[in-house]
Protein backbone atom coordinates (compact mmCIF):
# COMPACT_ATOMS: atom_id res chain seq x y z
CA UNK A 1 6.03 -22.45 -4.77
CA UNK A 2 5.05 -19.30 -2.92
CA UNK A 3 2.50 -18.92 -0.17
CA UNK A 4 -0.95 -17.57 -0.95
CA UNK A 5 -2.85 -15.24 1.30
CA UNK A 6 -5.92 -17.34 0.73
CA UNK A 7 -7.08 -20.15 -1.51
CA UNK A 8 -9.67 -19.14 -3.07
CA UNK A 9 -7.27 -26.12 -40.27
CA UNK A 10 -7.97 -22.88 -38.50
CA UNK A 11 -11.12 -21.14 -39.78
CA UNK A 12 -11.16 -17.35 -39.74
CA UNK A 13 -13.39 -15.87 -37.09
CA UNK A 14 -15.26 -12.67 -37.88
CA UNK A 15 -14.83 -9.45 -35.89
CA UNK A 16 -18.26 -8.64 -34.47
CA UNK A 17 -18.89 -4.99 -33.67
CA UNK A 18 -21.59 -4.54 -31.05
CA UNK A 19 -23.26 -1.47 -32.48
CA UNK A 20 -26.19 -0.77 -34.77
CA UNK A 21 -25.85 -4.15 -36.47
CA UNK A 22 -26.81 -6.16 -33.37
CA UNK A 23 -30.07 -8.00 -33.86
CA UNK A 24 -32.61 -8.00 -31.04
CA UNK A 25 -35.48 -10.43 -31.54
CA UNK A 26 -36.95 -9.43 -28.17
CA UNK A 27 -39.16 -6.43 -27.58
CA UNK A 28 -36.00 -4.36 -27.60
CA UNK A 29 -37.46 -1.54 -29.62
CA UNK A 30 -40.03 -0.68 -26.96
CA UNK A 31 -39.57 2.37 -24.78
CA UNK A 32 -36.95 1.57 -22.11
CA UNK A 33 -38.36 0.52 -18.76
CA UNK A 34 -37.51 2.64 -15.69
CA UNK A 35 -34.40 1.37 -13.95
CA UNK A 36 -34.35 1.19 -10.15
CA UNK A 37 -31.13 1.03 -8.12
CA UNK A 38 -31.28 -2.76 -7.69
CA UNK A 39 -31.80 -3.28 -11.43
CA UNK A 40 -29.19 -0.76 -12.54
CA UNK A 41 -26.51 -2.37 -10.38
CA UNK A 42 -27.40 -5.95 -11.35
CA UNK A 43 -24.64 -8.32 -12.47
CA UNK A 44 -24.89 -11.32 -14.80
CA UNK A 45 -22.54 -14.31 -14.68
CA UNK A 46 -22.20 -18.11 -14.92
CA UNK A 47 -23.57 -18.85 -18.40
CA UNK A 48 -24.48 -22.48 -19.18
CA UNK A 49 -25.91 -24.02 -22.39
CA UNK A 50 -28.42 -26.85 -22.45
CA UNK A 51 -27.15 -30.03 -24.20
CA UNK A 52 -29.47 -29.42 -27.18
CA UNK A 53 -28.27 -25.82 -27.55
CA UNK A 54 -31.77 -24.38 -27.20
CA UNK A 55 -31.55 -22.73 -23.78
CA UNK A 56 -29.04 -20.79 -21.70
CA UNK A 57 -29.03 -20.58 -17.91
CA UNK A 58 -27.34 -17.66 -16.18
CA UNK A 59 -27.05 -15.99 -12.79
CA UNK A 60 -28.44 -12.55 -11.93
CA UNK A 61 -27.00 -10.84 -8.84
CA UNK A 62 -28.66 -7.79 -7.26
CA UNK A 63 -28.35 -5.91 -3.98
CA UNK A 64 -30.66 -7.30 -1.30
CA UNK A 65 -32.80 -5.43 1.19
CA UNK A 66 -30.36 -5.90 4.06
CA UNK A 67 -27.32 -3.66 4.27
CA UNK A 68 -24.42 -5.29 2.45
CA UNK A 69 -26.56 -8.21 1.25
CA UNK A 70 -26.49 -9.53 -2.30
CA UNK A 71 -29.21 -11.69 -3.76
CA UNK A 72 -28.67 -14.06 -6.68
CA UNK A 73 -30.89 -16.42 -8.63
CA UNK A 74 -30.66 -18.51 -11.77
CA UNK A 75 -32.63 -17.45 -14.85
CA UNK A 76 -33.36 -19.31 -18.07
CA UNK A 77 -33.39 -17.84 -21.59
CA UNK A 78 -34.21 -19.14 -25.06
CA UNK A 79 -30.92 -19.23 -27.00
CA UNK A 80 -32.67 -17.73 -30.02
CA UNK A 81 -34.28 -14.96 -28.02
CA UNK A 82 -37.78 -16.11 -28.94
CA UNK A 83 -39.16 -16.47 -25.43
CA UNK A 84 -39.01 -14.12 -22.44
CA UNK A 85 -36.42 -14.87 -19.79
CA UNK A 86 -37.71 -16.39 -16.58
CA UNK A 87 -36.31 -17.07 -13.09
CA UNK A 88 -35.74 -20.73 -12.33
CA UNK A 89 -34.74 -20.99 -8.68
CA UNK A 90 -37.63 -19.68 -6.56
CA UNK A 91 -37.25 -21.07 -3.05
CA UNK A 92 -33.45 -21.26 -3.20
CA UNK A 93 -31.26 -18.55 -1.69
CA UNK A 94 -28.13 -17.22 -3.39
CA UNK A 95 -28.29 -19.60 -6.34
CA UNK A 96 -25.23 -19.69 -8.60
CA UNK A 97 -23.09 -21.92 -10.85
CA UNK A 98 -25.87 -23.44 -13.00
CA UNK A 99 -25.06 -26.40 -15.25
CA UNK A 100 -27.24 -28.69 -17.33
CA UNK A 101 -26.72 -32.38 -16.80
CA UNK A 102 -25.28 -33.94 -19.98
CA UNK A 103 -28.37 -36.14 -20.34
CA UNK A 104 -30.60 -33.05 -20.26
CA UNK A 105 -32.62 -34.18 -17.24
CA UNK A 106 -31.58 -31.53 -14.72
CA UNK A 107 -30.23 -28.07 -14.16
CA UNK A 108 -27.87 -28.18 -11.20
CA UNK A 109 -27.21 -25.12 -9.03
CA UNK A 110 -25.32 -24.27 -5.87
CA UNK A 111 -27.72 -22.63 -3.43
CA UNK A 112 -29.11 -22.59 0.08
CA UNK A 113 -32.37 -24.48 0.20
CA UNK A 114 -34.89 -24.33 3.06
CA UNK A 115 -33.00 -25.04 6.26
CA UNK A 116 -29.57 -24.95 4.61
CA UNK A 117 -27.10 -22.69 6.43
CA UNK A 118 -24.50 -23.18 3.66
CA UNK A 119 -24.65 -23.81 -0.12
CA UNK A 120 -25.52 -27.30 -1.33
CA UNK A 121 -25.84 -28.80 -4.79
CA UNK A 122 -29.48 -28.90 -5.92
CA UNK A 123 -31.02 -30.51 -9.01
CA UNK A 124 -33.96 -28.88 -10.81
CA UNK A 125 -35.78 -31.48 -12.98
CA UNK A 126 -36.39 -29.99 -16.43
CA UNK A 127 -39.45 -32.18 -16.90
CA UNK A 128 -40.99 -30.70 -13.76
CA UNK A 129 -41.17 -31.83 -10.18
CA UNK A 130 -39.64 -30.87 -6.85
CA UNK A 131 -36.07 -29.65 -6.45
CA UNK A 132 -33.74 -32.33 -5.18
CA UNK A 133 -30.79 -31.69 -2.88
CA UNK A 134 -27.87 -33.90 -3.90
CA UNK A 135 -25.32 -33.00 -1.20
CA UNK A 136 -25.40 -32.43 2.55
CA UNK A 137 -21.98 -30.96 3.20
CA UNK A 138 -21.73 -29.46 6.66
CA UNK A 139 -19.33 -26.77 5.44
CA UNK A 140 -20.97 -26.20 2.07
CA UNK A 141 -20.12 -27.08 -1.53
CA UNK A 142 -17.63 -24.79 -3.28
CA UNK A 143 -17.66 -26.00 -6.88
CA UNK A 144 -18.57 -29.00 -9.03
CA UNK A 145 -18.54 -30.62 -12.47
CA UNK A 146 -20.73 -33.24 -14.16
CA UNK A 147 -19.32 -36.45 -15.60
CA UNK A 148 -19.87 -36.74 -19.39
CA UNK A 149 -22.64 -39.31 -19.05
CA UNK A 150 -24.53 -37.38 -16.39
CA UNK A 151 -24.46 -40.19 -13.86
CA UNK A 152 -22.29 -38.47 -11.28
CA UNK A 153 -21.04 -35.10 -10.07
CA UNK A 154 -17.55 -34.32 -8.77
CA UNK A 155 -17.67 -31.55 -6.18
CA UNK A 156 -15.43 -29.70 -3.74
CA UNK A 157 -16.26 -29.48 -0.03
CA UNK A 158 -14.56 -29.45 3.31
CA UNK A 159 -14.62 -32.61 5.40
CA UNK A 160 -14.19 -32.89 9.19
CA UNK A 161 -10.38 -32.87 9.01
CA UNK A 162 -10.34 -29.91 6.58
CA UNK A 163 -12.83 -27.61 8.27
CA UNK A 164 -10.14 -25.12 9.24
CA UNK A 165 -8.58 -24.60 5.83
CA UNK A 166 -8.52 -27.42 3.29
CA UNK A 167 -11.07 -28.94 0.96
CA UNK A 168 -11.39 -32.30 -0.79
CA UNK A 169 -12.94 -33.68 -3.96
CA UNK A 170 -16.00 -35.90 -3.59
CA UNK A 171 -18.07 -37.91 -6.09
CA UNK A 172 -21.87 -38.00 -5.82
CA UNK A 173 -23.86 -40.71 -7.62
CA UNK A 174 -26.96 -38.98 -8.98
CA UNK A 175 -29.29 -41.99 -8.95
CA UNK A 176 -28.10 -43.73 -5.79
CA UNK A 177 -27.63 -40.50 -3.84
CA UNK A 178 -24.36 -41.74 -2.34
CA UNK A 179 -21.18 -39.73 -1.83
CA UNK A 180 -17.59 -40.99 -1.67
CA UNK A 181 -14.33 -39.11 -1.09
CA UNK A 182 -11.94 -38.83 -4.03
CA UNK A 183 -9.00 -37.06 -2.33
CA UNK A 184 -7.54 -36.97 1.18
CA UNK A 185 -4.69 -35.26 2.97
CA UNK A 186 -3.51 -31.73 3.70
CA UNK A 187 -4.72 -30.07 0.51
CA UNK A 188 -7.23 -27.55 -0.73
CA UNK A 189 -8.74 -28.90 -3.95
CA UNK A 190 -10.98 -26.89 -6.27
CA UNK A 191 -12.23 -26.21 -9.82
CA UNK A 192 -12.78 -29.86 -10.80
CA UNK A 193 -13.32 -30.71 -14.46
CA UNK A 194 -13.84 -34.22 -15.86
CA UNK A 195 -12.04 -35.55 -18.94
CA UNK A 196 -14.06 -36.20 -22.13
CA UNK A 197 -13.77 -39.97 -21.57
CA UNK A 198 -14.97 -39.60 -17.97
CA UNK A 199 -11.92 -41.31 -16.48
CA UNK A 200 -9.91 -38.41 -15.02
CA UNK A 201 -10.53 -35.30 -12.94
CA UNK A 202 -8.30 -32.28 -13.50
CA UNK A 203 -8.40 -29.78 -10.65
CA UNK A 204 -6.60 -27.05 -8.77
CA UNK A 205 -4.73 -28.35 -5.74
CA UNK A 206 -2.91 -26.28 -3.11
CA UNK A 207 -0.77 -28.13 -0.60
CA UNK A 208 -1.19 -26.99 3.00
CA UNK A 209 1.89 -26.41 5.11
CA UNK A 210 2.43 -27.43 8.71
CA UNK A 211 1.33 -23.98 9.85
CA UNK A 212 -2.02 -24.51 8.13
CA UNK A 213 -1.36 -21.95 5.38
CA UNK A 214 -1.86 -23.08 1.76
CA UNK A 215 0.70 -22.79 -0.99
CA UNK A 216 -0.28 -21.50 -4.43
CA UNK A 217 -2.43 -23.99 -6.37
CA UNK A 218 -1.13 -26.14 -9.22
CA UNK A 219 -3.01 -28.31 -11.72
CA UNK A 220 -3.33 -31.99 -10.80
CA UNK A 221 -4.97 -35.13 -12.22
CA UNK A 222 -6.63 -37.96 -10.35
CA UNK A 223 -8.54 -41.02 -11.64
CA UNK A 224 -12.25 -40.61 -11.02
CA UNK A 225 -12.27 -44.13 -9.63
CA UNK A 226 -9.72 -43.05 -7.01
CA UNK A 227 -6.01 -43.70 -6.65
CA UNK A 228 -2.77 -41.80 -6.93
CA UNK A 229 -2.87 -38.19 -8.14
CA UNK A 230 -0.48 -36.79 -10.73
CA UNK A 231 0.89 -33.27 -10.58
CA UNK A 232 0.91 -31.49 -13.96
CA UNK A 233 2.31 -28.04 -13.10
CA UNK A 234 4.91 -26.68 -10.70
CA UNK A 235 5.00 -22.90 -10.83
CA UNK A 236 6.02 -20.17 -8.40
CA UNK A 237 2.55 -18.68 -8.77
CA UNK A 238 -1.06 -19.80 -9.01
CA UNK A 239 -2.26 -22.16 -11.76
CA UNK A 240 -6.05 -22.06 -12.05
CA UNK A 241 -9.12 -22.97 -14.10
CA UNK A 242 -7.97 -26.14 -15.93
CA UNK A 243 -9.93 -26.96 -19.09
CA UNK A 244 -9.69 -30.19 -21.11
CA UNK A 245 -9.10 -30.14 -24.86
CA UNK A 246 -11.84 -31.93 -26.87
CA UNK A 247 -9.51 -34.87 -27.54
CA UNK A 248 -8.53 -35.16 -23.85
CA UNK A 249 -4.79 -34.92 -24.59
CA UNK A 250 -4.10 -31.38 -23.35
CA UNK A 251 -5.23 -29.04 -20.61
CA UNK A 252 -5.34 -25.26 -20.87
CA UNK A 253 -5.19 -23.18 -17.71
CA UNK A 254 -4.51 -19.70 -16.36
CA UNK A 255 -1.08 -19.07 -14.85
CA UNK A 256 0.76 -16.19 -13.22
CA UNK A 257 4.33 -17.53 -12.70
CA UNK A 258 6.56 -15.48 -10.43
CA UNK A 259 3.99 -12.70 -10.35
CA UNK A 260 4.93 -11.68 -13.90
CA UNK A 261 1.39 -11.29 -15.16
CA UNK A 262 -1.33 -13.76 -15.97
CA UNK A 263 -1.30 -15.71 -19.20
CA UNK A 264 -2.89 -18.81 -20.76
CA UNK A 265 -0.76 -21.96 -20.68
CA UNK A 266 -1.08 -25.40 -22.20
CA UNK A 267 0.16 -28.65 -20.65
CA UNK A 268 0.21 -31.85 -22.74
CA UNK A 269 -0.49 -35.10 -20.93
CA UNK A 270 2.37 -36.92 -22.64
CA UNK A 271 4.98 -35.64 -20.20
CA UNK A 272 6.07 -32.51 -22.06
CA UNK A 273 6.29 -29.35 -19.92
CA UNK A 274 3.71 -26.57 -19.94
CA UNK A 275 4.12 -23.76 -22.49
CA UNK A 276 2.72 -20.23 -22.77
CA UNK A 277 -0.04 -19.56 -25.29
CA UNK A 278 -0.40 -15.83 -24.66
CA UNK A 279 1.77 -13.00 -23.47
CA UNK A 280 1.49 -11.89 -19.83
CA UNK A 281 -1.65 -9.96 -18.89
CA UNK A 282 -3.35 -10.97 -22.13
CA UNK A 283 -6.35 -12.87 -20.65
CA UNK A 284 -9.08 -11.16 -18.69
CA UNK A 285 -11.45 -12.66 -16.11
CA UNK A 286 -12.78 -16.18 -16.36
CA UNK A 287 -11.52 -19.51 -17.70
CA UNK A 288 -10.92 -20.23 -21.40
CA UNK A 289 -13.18 -22.40 -23.56
CA UNK A 290 -12.07 -24.87 -26.24
CA UNK A 291 -13.50 -24.93 -29.76
CA UNK A 292 -13.73 -28.22 -31.61
CA UNK A 293 -11.03 -27.18 -34.08
CA UNK A 294 -8.44 -26.65 -31.35
CA UNK A 295 -8.74 -22.93 -30.68
CA UNK A 296 -9.20 -21.31 -27.29
CA UNK A 297 -11.83 -18.63 -26.74
CA UNK A 298 -11.19 -16.28 -23.85
CA UNK A 299 -12.02 -12.83 -22.54
CA UNK A 300 -9.16 -10.47 -23.28
CA UNK A 301 -7.89 -8.13 -20.61
CA UNK A 302 -7.91 -4.35 -20.96
CA UNK A 303 -11.22 -4.11 -22.83
CA UNK A 304 -10.16 -6.31 -25.75
CA UNK A 305 -13.44 -8.21 -25.88
CA UNK A 306 -13.56 -11.94 -26.66
CA UNK A 307 -10.57 -13.37 -28.50
CA UNK A 308 -9.71 -16.65 -30.21
CA UNK A 309 -6.20 -18.09 -30.37
CA UNK A 310 -4.79 -21.31 -31.81
CA UNK A 311 -3.78 -23.71 -29.05
CA UNK A 312 -0.24 -23.91 -30.41
CA UNK A 313 2.61 -22.75 -28.14
CA UNK A 314 4.88 -22.30 -31.19
CA UNK A 315 2.76 -19.35 -32.29
CA UNK A 316 3.03 -17.75 -28.80
CA UNK A 317 0.19 -15.25 -29.13
CA UNK A 318 0.21 -14.92 -32.92
CA UNK A 319 -2.95 -15.67 -34.83
CA UNK A 320 -5.24 -13.96 -32.31
CA UNK A 321 -8.66 -13.13 -33.74
CA UNK A 322 -11.35 -10.89 -32.29
CA UNK A 323 -14.66 -12.70 -31.90
CA UNK A 324 -16.51 -9.96 -30.02
CA UNK A 325 -15.37 -6.36 -29.71
CA UNK A 326 -15.96 -5.41 -26.11
CA UNK A 327 -15.71 -1.67 -25.60
CA UNK A 328 -18.71 -1.81 -23.26
CA UNK A 329 -17.19 -4.59 -21.18
CA UNK A 330 -17.58 -8.31 -21.86
CA UNK A 331 -18.15 -10.59 -18.88
CA UNK A 332 -18.83 -14.33 -18.76
CA UNK A 333 -18.66 -16.47 -21.91
CA UNK A 334 -19.81 -20.00 -22.84
CA UNK A 335 -19.57 -22.04 -26.05
CA UNK A 336 -22.58 -23.97 -27.31
CA UNK A 337 -22.35 -27.79 -27.18
CA UNK A 338 -21.86 -27.99 -30.96
CA UNK A 339 -19.15 -25.32 -30.83
CA UNK A 340 -20.94 -23.14 -33.35
CA UNK A 341 -22.15 -20.28 -31.12
CA UNK A 342 -20.78 -18.17 -28.32
CA UNK A 343 -22.91 -16.76 -25.51
CA UNK A 344 -21.51 -13.79 -23.65
CA UNK A 345 -22.49 -11.07 -21.21
CA UNK A 346 -22.18 -7.48 -22.35
CA UNK A 347 -22.45 -4.51 -20.03
CA UNK A 348 -24.65 -1.47 -20.63
CA UNK A 349 -24.05 2.13 -19.65
CA UNK A 350 -27.60 2.84 -18.48
CA UNK A 351 -28.87 -0.46 -17.10
CA UNK A 352 -28.08 -4.09 -16.33
CA UNK A 353 -25.97 -6.28 -18.62
CA UNK A 354 -27.62 -8.61 -21.11
CA UNK A 355 -26.81 -11.98 -22.65
CA UNK A 356 -25.90 -12.12 -26.35
CA UNK A 357 -25.28 -15.00 -28.75
CA UNK A 358 -23.03 -14.83 -31.82
CA UNK A 359 -22.33 -17.56 -34.40
CA UNK A 360 -18.71 -18.52 -34.94
CA UNK A 361 -19.11 -19.34 -38.63
CA UNK A 362 -18.18 -15.91 -39.94
CA UNK A 363 -21.74 -14.66 -40.47
CA UNK A 364 -21.67 -10.82 -40.60
CA UNK A 365 -23.57 -8.81 -37.99
CA UNK A 366 -24.62 -12.00 -36.28
CA UNK A 367 -24.65 -10.89 -32.64
CA UNK A 368 -28.11 -11.34 -31.14
CA UNK A 369 -29.34 -10.05 -27.79
CA UNK A 370 -31.45 -12.77 -26.17
CA UNK A 371 -32.39 -11.08 -22.89
CA UNK A 372 -34.02 -7.83 -21.88
CA UNK A 373 -33.10 -7.72 -18.23
CA UNK A 374 -33.90 -4.05 -17.93
CA UNK A 375 -37.58 -4.92 -18.35
CA UNK A 376 -37.52 -8.37 -16.74
CA UNK A 377 -35.83 -7.25 -13.53
CA UNK A 378 -37.96 -4.15 -13.29
CA UNK A 379 -41.00 -6.42 -12.95
CA UNK A 380 -39.41 -8.67 -10.31
CA UNK A 381 -38.92 -7.36 -6.75
CA UNK A 382 -35.75 -8.12 -4.86
CA UNK A 383 -36.23 -10.84 -2.27
CA UNK A 384 -35.19 -10.09 1.27
CA UNK A 385 -33.17 -13.31 1.48
CA UNK A 386 -30.13 -13.87 3.64
CA UNK A 387 -26.78 -12.13 3.22
CA UNK A 388 -24.59 -13.97 0.76
CA UNK A 389 -21.10 -15.15 1.68
CA UNK A 390 -18.52 -12.50 1.05
CA UNK A 391 -21.07 -9.70 1.10
CA UNK A 392 -19.71 -8.09 4.23
CA UNK A 393 -22.86 -8.97 6.14
CA UNK A 394 -23.03 -11.63 8.79
CA UNK A 395 -23.31 -15.24 7.67
CA UNK A 396 -24.05 -18.51 9.41
CA UNK A 397 -20.75 -20.15 10.42
CA UNK A 398 -19.89 -23.34 8.57
CA UNK A 399 -19.66 -26.64 10.40
CA UNK A 400 -17.62 -29.66 9.42
CA UNK A 401 -18.44 -32.97 7.81
CA UNK A 402 -19.73 -34.26 4.49
CA UNK A 403 -22.39 -36.87 5.24
CA UNK A 404 -24.25 -38.68 2.51
CA UNK A 405 -27.26 -36.86 1.07
CA UNK A 406 -30.51 -37.43 2.86
């Protein structure tokens, strides 16, 4: 391992050209709205489908009023493009990482609520009602994942002993409001993801040396009930973004062994070693997503759009199919719960990006724009807010401890 500076049947898929054939059920044929600086420089990320496949949550990031500040909020769109997009997280600062609970009761977000100096996990009831804060981490929550049944959330946060560098996994019971630690020791854990049967948590884990500096992260497993962890990868480079296969027998992840270029790898859980799925530098930003037929969907590097590849190391990069041609720049992606549609962010030359949805059944010219952020953001002023972490502006220093939610 090397030291890191910081932790931070195969159906044919159609090539979708994002040009004149793109459908736009919104008022996309109206005269373009004027674009102000905050709207033109907006970013869109963190797509999340509702369990019924009818709605998509996403994050919009814009420059704030303060110098160096960035302001983000979660928006909600109809997956068919029938309804206007609308912001969801009024009253929460720097909202990000939306996810629908598997039971469809909540949208969860990481954000600073009133009085929160650092991000916490908040639940927005879809049936209406007040926002509920699920965590009270003194140093802030860094990432999280729902359990398949929706009864609990696994999240990453620093505890008192890890305030100066490490982070642990914790489990929050949604109904009881209790929190228990899942990991301990000199580690920095992150990117948790729960197995389809709800019994295991795959995650990134970087061991911390005696000098307090972390090593590169590897992929580990730990029972969600607690117990001994199992290391799945040992590479001289970072292993990140683990994703479970639908059958729970394999995990795909992003690897950059020995600094030779990033690629997708697959590790079986039967004891066989990891194997490359793509050539170095093939994947672009963001984690891969599994289809139900055992393919991996990912954003290709170098402007290659969204690609699909069989999750078979024997093929080693052969059988790649283009799902979305991305000359304009494809960002975040997310597969629908039924695996039949792909949502993705596509950049625009003269305005903010938008969210598109394309079916994966081979339907020609099926890409559909479901947002019109040029118009929607032009009607919504930028909130003054507080500077977001990493913006270059001053932030409130984090304190230690992960007490139970109030």
